[in-house]
Amino acid sequence: MATPKGWKTIGNIGGIKWEVKEKQHGRFFLMRPVGTDYDPDDPDYPHTLVELKNGQLTGFQHNSNSRYGMKFGTRDIIMAAMRIVLSG
């Protein structure tokens, strides 16, 4: 499956292959499992918002109620965010 335009695959984290939106979403970068469609009205939509300022991780927000979030720990989110920073 090809990565949608505007998204970058960042690899397999927590048993799930993730991609990140190349442009910032407000103060955050939006991450999602590969192959999912963005539906902001779906409370179970699995996504993570990673906040970066001047290349430094300053925060993140994850909808832990999603079926992905239950098995996706905050340490993995930080590691994924750092991969985004390191990959430029």
Foldseek 3Di string as FASTA:
>chain_A
DDADPQKAWLQAFLNFTKIWGNDADVQWIKMAGPPDDDDPVDLQGWIKTFGDDPLDTDDIDTSLVHPVNVRHDPVSVVVSSNSVSVVD
